[in-house]
Amino acid sequence: MPKEDLLTVDEVAGELRITPRTVRALVNSGRLPAIRVMDNREPRLRFRRSDLDAWLEERMVGRR
């Protein structure tokens, strides 16, 4: 299986054109899938590109 790069909160926010705070709120509410990783004993959120693409696909409007 090919290795997949992980996106940061800021990268996801930039792609979705929302604030990092909104990204975190979506994760905390369980609406946006994320991975919690430890970085210098601090939890950080990371996102798989494939999960983000699938999440966006599920929210497409006007498709038949």
N, C-alpha and C. Protein backbone atom coordinates (compact mmCIF):
# COMPACT_ATOMS: atom_id res chain seq x y z
N MET A 1 0.85 -1.18 0.00
CA MET A 1 0.00 0.00 0.00
C MET A 1 0.90 1.24 0.00
N PRO A 2 0.65 2.20 -0.90
CA PRO A 2 1.49 3.40 -0.93
C PRO A 2 1.30 4.25 0.31
N LYS A 3 2.37 4.86 0.74
CA LYS A 3 2.32 5.73 1.91
C LYS A 3 1.60 7.03 1.53
N GLU A 4 0.72 7.48 2.41
CA GLU A 4 -0.07 8.67 2.14
C GLU A 4 0.39 9.80 3.07
N ASP A 5 0.64 10.96 2.49
CA ASP A 5 1.02 12.12 3.30
C ASP A 5 -0.15 12.57 4.15
N LEU A 6 0.17 13.09 5.32
CA LEU A 6 -0.85 13.60 6.22
C LEU A 6 -0.87 15.12 6.16
N LEU A 7 -2.06 15.68 6.17
CA LEU A 7 -2.24 17.13 6.13
C LEU A 7 -2.39 17.67 7.54
N THR A 8 -1.98 18.91 7.74
CA THR A 8 -2.13 19.59 9.03
C THR A 8 -3.47 20.32 9.08
N VAL A 9 -3.81 20.81 10.26
CA VAL A 9 -5.02 21.61 10.43
C VAL A 9 -4.97 22.84 9.51
N ASP A 10 -3.84 23.51 9.48
CA ASP A 10 -3.71 24.71 8.65
C ASP A 10 -3.85 24.39 7.16
N GLU A 11 -3.31 23.27 6.73
CA GLU A 11 -3.43 22.89 5.31
C GLU A 11 -4.89 22.59 4.95
N VAL A 12 -5.58 21.86 5.83
CA VAL A 12 -6.99 21.55 5.58
C VAL A 12 -7.81 22.85 5.58
N ALA A 13 -7.55 23.71 6.54
CA ALA A 13 -8.27 24.98 6.62
C ALA A 13 -8.07 25.78 5.33
N GLY A 14 -6.86 25.82 4.84
CA GLY A 14 -6.57 26.55 3.61
C GLY A 14 -7.30 25.97 2.41
N GLU A 15 -7.31 24.65 2.32
CA GLU A 15 -7.99 24.00 1.19
C GLU A 15 -9.49 24.21 1.24
N LEU A 16 -10.06 24.18 2.44
CA LEU A 16 -11.51 24.34 2.58
C LEU A 16 -11.92 25.80 2.68
N ARG A 17 -10.93 26.68 2.81
CA ARG A 17 -11.16 28.12 2.97
C ARG A 17 -12.03 28.41 4.20
N ILE A 18 -11.64 27.77 5.30
CA ILE A 18 -12.26 28.01 6.60
C ILE A 18 -11.13 28.23 7.60
N THR A 19 -11.45 28.60 8.81
CA THR A 19 -10.42 28.85 9.81
C THR A 19 -9.96 27.53 10.45
N PRO A 20 -8.73 27.51 10.96
CA PRO A 20 -8.28 26.34 11.71
C PRO A 20 -9.19 26.02 12.89
N ARG A 21 -9.74 27.04 13.50
CA ARG A 21 -10.67 26.84 14.62
C ARG A 21 -11.91 26.06 14.16
N THR A 22 -12.41 26.36 12.97
CA THR A 22 -13.56 25.64 12.44
C THR A 22 -13.20 24.19 12.12
N VAL A 23 -12.00 23.97 11.62
CA VAL A 23 -11.54 22.60 11.36
C VAL A 23 -11.55 21.81 12.66
N ARG A 24 -10.99 22.39 13.71
CA ARG A 24 -10.95 21.70 15.01
C ARG A 24 -12.36 21.44 15.54
N ALA A 25 -13.26 22.39 15.36
CA ALA A 25 -14.65 22.21 15.81
C ALA A 25 -15.32 21.07 15.06
N LEU A 26 -15.07 20.96 13.76
CA LEU A 26 -15.63 19.85 12.97
C LEU A 26 -15.10 18.51 13.46
N VAL A 27 -13.82 18.47 13.79
CA VAL A 27 -13.22 17.23 14.32
C VAL A 27 -13.82 16.91 15.68
N ASN A 28 -13.88 17.89 16.56
CA ASN A 28 -14.37 17.66 17.92
C ASN A 28 -15.84 17.24 17.95
N SER A 29 -16.60 17.67 16.95
CA SER A 29 -18.01 17.27 16.87
C SER A 29 -18.19 15.92 16.19
N GLY A 30 -17.09 15.34 15.69
CA GLY A 30 -17.16 14.04 15.03
C GLY A 30 -17.58 14.10 13.58
N ARG A 31 -17.64 15.30 13.01
CA ARG A 31 -18.10 15.43 11.63
C ARG A 31 -16.98 15.35 10.60
N LEU A 32 -15.74 15.59 11.00
CA LEU A 32 -14.60 15.52 10.08
C LEU A 32 -13.61 14.50 10.63
N PRO A 33 -13.27 13.47 9.83
CA PRO A 33 -12.34 12.45 10.32
C PRO A 33 -10.91 12.99 10.42
N ALA A 34 -10.25 12.63 11.52
CA ALA A 34 -8.87 13.08 11.75
C ALA A 34 -8.11 12.01 12.51
N ILE A 35 -6.81 12.18 12.55
CA ILE A 35 -5.92 11.28 13.29
C ILE A 35 -5.21 12.13 14.34
N ARG A 36 -5.21 11.67 15.57
CA ARG A 36 -4.47 12.38 16.62
C ARG A 36 -3.10 11.71 16.75
N VAL A 37 -2.06 12.52 16.62
CA VAL A 37 -0.69 12.04 16.77
C VAL A 37 0.00 12.86 17.85
N MET A 38 0.99 12.27 18.47
CA MET A 38 1.74 12.98 19.50
C MET A 38 2.98 13.62 18.88
N ASP A 39 3.20 14.87 19.20
CA ASP A 39 4.35 15.62 18.71
C ASP A 39 4.94 16.36 19.91
N ASN A 40 6.10 15.89 20.36
CA ASN A 40 6.71 16.48 21.57
C ASN A 40 5.74 16.49 22.74
N ARG A 41 5.07 15.37 22.92
CA ARG A 41 4.11 15.16 24.02
C ARG A 41 2.86 16.01 23.90
N GLU A 42 2.66 16.63 22.77
CA GLU A 42 1.46 17.42 22.51
C GLU A 42 0.64 16.72 21.42
N PRO A 43 -0.66 16.53 21.65
CA PRO A 43 -1.47 15.92 20.60
C PRO A 43 -1.67 16.89 19.44
N ARG A 44 -1.53 16.38 18.23
CA ARG A 44 -1.73 17.17 17.02
C ARG A 44 -2.73 16.43 16.13
N LEU A 45 -3.47 17.18 15.36
CA LEU A 45 -4.40 16.57 14.41
C LEU A 45 -3.73 16.47 13.04
N ARG A 46 -3.97 15.34 12.38
CA ARG A 46 -3.51 15.15 11.02
C ARG A 46 -4.65 14.52 10.23
N PHE A 47 -4.64 14.73 8.92
CA PHE A 47 -5.73 14.30 8.06
C PHE A 47 -5.17 13.58 6.85
N ARG A 48 -5.74 12.41 6.54
CA ARG A 48 -5.37 11.72 5.31
C ARG A 48 -6.09 12.37 4.15
N ARG A 49 -5.37 12.58 3.08
CA ARG A 49 -5.94 13.19 1.88
C ARG A 49 -7.18 12.40 1.42
N SER A 50 -7.08 11.07 1.43
CA SER A 50 -8.21 10.25 0.97
C SER A 50 -9.44 10.43 1.85
N ASP A 51 -9.25 10.59 3.16
CA ASP A 51 -10.39 10.83 4.06
C ASP A 51 -11.03 12.18 3.79
N LEU A 52 -10.19 13.19 3.56
CA LEU A 52 -10.72 14.53 3.27
C LEU A 52 -11.48 14.53 1.94
N ASP A 53 -10.92 13.88 0.93
CA ASP A 53 -11.60 13.81 -0.37
C ASP A 53 -12.94 13.09 -0.26
N ALA A 54 -12.98 11.99 0.50
CA ALA A 54 -14.23 11.24 0.68
C ALA A 54 -15.25 12.08 1.46
N TRP A 55 -14.78 12.80 2.47
CA TRP A 55 -15.66 13.67 3.26
C TRP A 55 -16.28 14.74 2.38
N LEU A 56 -15.47 15.34 1.51
CA LEU A 56 -15.98 16.36 0.60
C LEU A 56 -16.96 15.75 -0.41
N GLU A 57 -16.65 14.59 -0.91
CA GLU A 57 -17.51 13.91 -1.89
C GLU A 57 -18.90 13.65 -1.31
N GLU A 58 -18.94 13.25 -0.03
CA GLU A 58 -20.22 12.98 0.63
C GLU A 58 -21.09 14.22 0.75
N ARG A 59 -20.46 15.38 0.68
CA ARG A 59 -21.19 16.63 0.88
C ARG A 59 -21.48 17.39 -0.39
N MET A 60 -21.25 16.77 -1.53
CA MET A 60 -21.53 17.39 -2.81
C MET A 60 -23.02 17.68 -2.94
N VAL A 61 -23.35 18.83 -3.43
CA VAL A 61 -24.74 19.25 -3.59
C VAL A 61 -25.07 19.27 -5.08
N GLY A 62 -26.29 18.84 -5.40
CA GLY A 62 -26.76 18.93 -6.77
C GLY A 62 -26.32 17.79 -7.69
N ARG A 63 -25.81 16.72 -7.11
CA ARG A 63 -25.43 15.56 -7.92
C ARG A 63 -26.59 14.60 -8.00
N ARG A 64 -26.63 13.87 -9.09
CA ARG A 64 -27.69 12.86 -9.25
C ARG A 64 -27.13 11.49 -9.15
